[in-house]
């Protein structure tokens, strides 16, 4: 049996449905209904939901590869410092994943299905090693910043589950209720909630600054110059 739909159609439909129903509501059966085919037609391309998620994550990466390396829309090469490149990459990663409902969860823990990620990663690491990092330092710098960004996106999408609708904050993250619940016994924990869950743009930038300072202090040419 040859399916009348192709792999790309399935993934494109899955990413669109993701914004409508979220990760928990996304199923191969739901996608098959949207494509007006029987569910077995999808199993021709994907054995299970995890295989589909792997391909969805790979497609998301393909769509955001240029921002991750600081490449402009016209293909211009990024000319900034390694610090600016790292900030640009993390900001681009966050914005790309926030464009998909549960984008952080989809991206986290999945495996790339091809080598489309390798070119941008190689170029990023090359910029850092050219700036004086060892390969190990460059890899750990990116891995740390990358995981911080993914983790924050997952938390952020718990607070604001619908892409592009910051007015729809999950009531479970109501800051006034949190402070009232914790305030008298745990005043610092209560006040910290506004720092962690209030202005998430500001929280993200603050975290990036801490990571950047840590990299500068422990790795690369700046750290070696100060030893």
Protein backbone atom coordinates (compact mmCIF):
# COMPACT_ATOMS: atom_id res chain seq x y z
CA UNK A 1 0.00 0.00 0.00
CA UNK A 2 1.32 3.45 -0.92
CA UNK A 3 -0.02 6.40 1.05
CA UNK A 4 -1.52 9.28 -0.91
CA UNK A 5 -0.07 11.71 1.63
CA UNK A 6 3.61 12.39 2.14
CA UNK A 7 5.70 12.85 5.27
CA UNK A 8 5.89 16.63 4.90
CA UNK A 9 2.08 16.95 4.75
CA UNK A 10 1.75 15.02 7.98
CA UNK A 11 4.31 17.18 9.81
CA UNK A 12 2.90 20.46 8.49
CA UNK A 13 -0.59 19.44 9.60
CA UNK A 14 0.71 18.26 12.98
CA UNK A 15 2.43 21.60 13.65
CA UNK A 16 -0.74 23.49 12.74
CA UNK A 17 -2.90 21.27 14.96
CA UNK A 18 -0.40 21.63 17.80
CA UNK A 19 -1.41 25.28 18.17
CA UNK A 20 -5.07 24.29 18.32
CA UNK A 21 -5.06 21.30 20.66
CA UNK A 22 -1.65 21.31 22.38
CA UNK A 23 0.72 18.39 22.80
CA UNK A 24 -1.65 16.29 24.94
CA UNK A 25 -4.46 16.64 22.40
CA UNK A 26 -2.31 15.82 19.40
CA UNK A 27 -2.66 12.25 18.16
CA UNK A 28 -2.06 10.38 14.94
CA UNK A 29 -5.79 9.70 14.73
CA UNK A 30 -6.57 13.42 15.04
CA UNK A 31 -4.05 14.23 12.30
CA UNK A 32 -5.49 11.49 10.07
CA UNK A 33 -8.97 12.97 10.47
CA UNK A 34 -7.64 16.41 9.53
CA UNK A 35 -6.00 14.99 6.41
CA UNK A 36 -9.13 12.96 5.58
CA UNK A 37 -7.30 9.64 5.56
CA UNK A 38 -7.43 6.49 7.65
CA UNK A 39 -5.01 6.29 10.59
CA UNK A 40 -2.99 3.42 9.02
CA UNK A 41 -1.94 5.82 6.25
CA UNK A 42 0.05 7.77 8.83
CA UNK A 43 1.76 4.66 10.16
CA UNK A 44 3.24 4.29 6.69
CA UNK A 45 5.36 7.34 7.59
CA UNK A 46 5.54 7.25 11.40
CA UNK A 47 5.42 4.15 13.59
CA UNK A 48 4.27 6.08 16.66
CA UNK A 49 3.77 9.54 18.12
CA UNK A 50 7.38 9.82 19.28
CA UNK A 51 8.66 9.39 15.73
CA UNK A 52 6.27 12.14 14.65
CA UNK A 53 7.47 14.43 17.47
CA UNK A 54 11.07 13.84 16.40
CA UNK A 55 10.23 14.94 12.88
CA UNK A 56 8.21 17.92 14.15
CA UNK A 57 11.18 19.07 16.26
CA UNK A 58 13.48 18.66 13.27
CA UNK A 59 11.16 20.76 11.11
CA UNK A 60 10.98 23.45 13.80
CA UNK A 61 14.77 23.53 13.84
CA UNK A 62 14.95 23.82 10.04
CA UNK A 63 12.68 26.86 10.22
CA UNK A 64 14.78 28.61 12.86
CA UNK A 65 18.30 27.64 11.79
CA UNK A 66 19.15 31.08 10.43
CA UNK A 67 18.27 33.01 13.62
CA UNK A 68 20.24 30.50 15.68
CA UNK A 69 23.43 31.37 13.85
CA UNK A 70 22.67 35.08 13.71
CA UNK A 71 22.15 34.96 9.97
CA UNK A 72 20.02 37.74 8.59
CA UNK A 73 17.03 37.25 6.27
CA UNK A 74 19.24 38.15 3.32
CA UNK A 75 21.78 35.47 4.26
CA UNK A 76 24.28 38.00 5.61
CA UNK A 77 26.89 36.55 7.96
CA UNK A 78 26.75 37.63 11.61
CA UNK A 79 29.58 40.05 12.35
CA UNK A 80 29.16 40.60 16.10
CA UNK A 81 31.12 39.31 19.07
CA UNK A 82 30.73 35.77 20.41
CA UNK A 83 28.68 37.22 23.27
CA UNK A 84 26.28 38.86 20.83
CA UNK A 85 26.07 35.65 18.81
CA UNK A 86 25.17 33.60 21.89
CA UNK A 87 22.49 36.10 22.93
CA UNK A 88 21.09 36.22 19.39
CA UNK A 89 20.97 32.43 19.18
CA UNK A 90 19.16 32.01 22.51
CA UNK A 91 16.70 34.79 21.76
CA UNK A 92 16.01 33.28 18.34
CA UNK A 93 15.49 29.83 19.86
CA UNK A 94 13.05 31.18 22.45
CA UNK A 95 11.01 33.19 19.96
CA UNK A 96 10.81 30.28 17.53
CA UNK A 97 9.57 27.84 20.17
CA UNK A 98 7.08 30.34 21.59
CA UNK A 99 5.49 30.36 18.13
CA UNK A 100 4.18 26.84 18.75
CA UNK A 101 1.89 25.78 21.55
CA UNK A 102 3.95 23.47 23.80
CA UNK A 103 6.90 24.16 21.49
CA UNK A 104 9.38 23.77 24.34
CA UNK A 105 8.03 20.34 25.27
CA UNK A 106 8.01 19.19 21.65
CA UNK A 107 11.62 20.24 21.22
CA UNK A 108 12.88 18.90 24.53
CA UNK A 109 14.09 15.31 24.54
CA UNK A 110 13.43 14.65 20.86
CA UNK A 111 15.99 13.41 18.37
CA UNK A 112 16.77 15.09 15.08
CA UNK A 113 15.78 12.89 12.13
CA UNK A 114 18.44 14.22 9.76
CA UNK A 115 21.63 16.29 9.84
CA UNK A 116 20.02 19.67 9.14
CA UNK A 117 21.01 20.77 12.65
CA UNK A 118 24.68 19.97 12.14
CA UNK A 119 25.56 22.81 9.77
CA UNK A 120 24.23 25.61 12.00
CA UNK A 121 25.75 23.98 15.09
CA UNK A 122 29.10 23.55 13.35
CA UNK A 123 29.06 27.19 12.26
CA UNK A 124 28.16 28.36 15.77
CA UNK A 125 30.93 26.33 17.38
CA UNK A 126 33.39 27.50 14.76
CA UNK A 127 32.65 31.12 15.66
CA UNK A 128 33.42 30.40 19.32
CA UNK A 129 36.58 28.41 18.64
CA UNK A 130 37.77 31.17 16.29
CA UNK A 131 37.22 33.59 19.18
CA UNK A 132 39.59 31.53 21.33
CA UNK A 133 37.42 28.87 22.98
CA UNK A 134 38.47 25.25 23.02
CA UNK A 135 35.90 22.95 21.41
CA UNK A 136 34.97 21.63 24.86
CA UNK A 137 34.44 25.14 26.21
CA UNK A 138 32.37 26.14 23.19
CA UNK A 139 30.21 23.03 23.39
CA UNK A 140 29.54 23.44 27.12
CA UNK A 141 28.82 27.15 26.73
CA UNK A 142 26.18 26.46 24.09
CA UNK A 143 24.77 23.42 25.91
CA UNK A 144 24.28 25.44 29.10
CA UNK A 145 22.65 28.42 27.37
CA UNK A 146 20.54 26.10 25.18
CA UNK A 147 19.17 24.11 28.11
CA UNK A 148 18.40 27.27 30.09
CA UNK A 149 16.44 28.59 27.12
CA UNK A 150 14.50 25.36 26.55
CA UNK A 151 13.67 25.07 30.25
CA UNK A 152 12.48 28.65 30.49
CA UNK A 153 10.28 28.23 27.40
CA UNK A 154 8.63 25.17 28.94
CA UNK A 155 7.92 27.14 32.12
CA UNK A 156 6.78 30.17 30.14
CA UNK A 157 4.36 28.10 28.09
CA UNK A 158 2.87 26.71 31.29
CA UNK A 159 2.08 30.28 32.36
CA UNK A 160 0.94 31.40 28.90
CA UNK A 161 -0.24 28.26 27.06
CA UNK A 162 -1.60 30.00 23.94
CA UNK A 163 0.98 31.42 21.49
CA UNK A 164 0.66 35.16 20.94
CA UNK A 165 -1.99 35.64 23.65
CA UNK A 166 -0.26 36.98 26.77
CA UNK A 167 -3.60 38.08 28.17
CA UNK A 168 -4.56 34.41 28.65
CA UNK A 169 -2.42 33.67 31.70
CA UNK A 170 -3.09 30.31 33.38
CA UNK A 171 -5.01 31.04 36.60
CA UNK A 172 -2.79 28.56 38.43
CA UNK A 173 0.00 31.14 38.09
CA UNK A 174 -1.93 34.04 39.59
CA UNK A 175 0.72 36.03 41.45
CA UNK A 176 -1.65 37.69 43.93
CA UNK A 177 -3.01 34.31 45.04
CA UNK A 178 0.51 32.92 45.30
CA UNK A 179 1.62 35.79 47.53
CA UNK A 180 -1.46 35.54 49.72
CA UNK A 181 -0.86 31.80 50.16
CA UNK A 182 2.84 32.11 51.04
CA UNK A 183 3.17 35.64 52.32
CA UNK A 184 3.15 35.48 56.10
CA UNK A 185 5.20 32.31 56.59
CA UNK A 186 7.49 32.57 53.55
CA UNK A 187 7.77 36.26 52.61
CA UNK A 188 10.89 35.96 50.44
CA UNK A 189 9.52 32.98 48.51
CA UNK A 190 6.28 34.89 48.03
CA UNK A 191 8.01 37.99 46.66
CA UNK A 192 10.32 35.92 44.46
CA UNK A 193 7.31 34.74 42.50
CA UNK A 194 7.03 38.10 40.76
CA UNK A 195 10.68 37.88 39.78
CA UNK A 196 10.30 34.37 38.39
CA UNK A 197 6.80 34.44 36.90
CA UNK A 198 6.04 38.14 36.43
CA UNK A 199 7.86 39.74 33.52
CA UNK A 200 9.16 36.66 31.71
CA UNK A 201 11.01 38.68 29.08
CA UNK A 202 12.97 40.36 31.87
CA UNK A 203 13.54 37.03 33.64
CA UNK A 204 14.90 35.50 30.45
CA UNK A 205 17.30 38.37 29.81
CA UNK A 206 18.47 38.32 33.43
CA UNK A 207 19.19 34.61 33.20
CA UNK A 208 21.10 35.06 29.95
CA UNK A 209 23.26 37.75 31.55
CA UNK A 210 24.11 35.42 34.44
CA UNK A 211 25.05 32.60 32.05
CA UNK A 212 27.07 34.94 29.86
CA UNK A 213 28.97 36.25 32.88
CA UNK A 214 29.67 32.69 33.99
CA UNK A 215 31.03 31.75 30.56
CA UNK A 216 33.24 34.83 30.47
CA UNK A 217 34.59 34.03 33.94
CA UNK A 218 35.31 30.33 33.37
CA UNK A 219 35.91 29.70 29.66
CA UNK A 220 37.41 31.22 26.58
CA UNK A 221 40.05 33.89 26.08
CA UNK A 222 38.73 36.33 28.69
CA UNK A 223 38.92 33.71 31.44
CA UNK A 224 42.45 32.62 30.50
CA UNK A 225 43.64 36.23 30.40
CA UNK A 226 42.51 36.71 33.98
CA UNK A 227 44.23 33.64 35.40
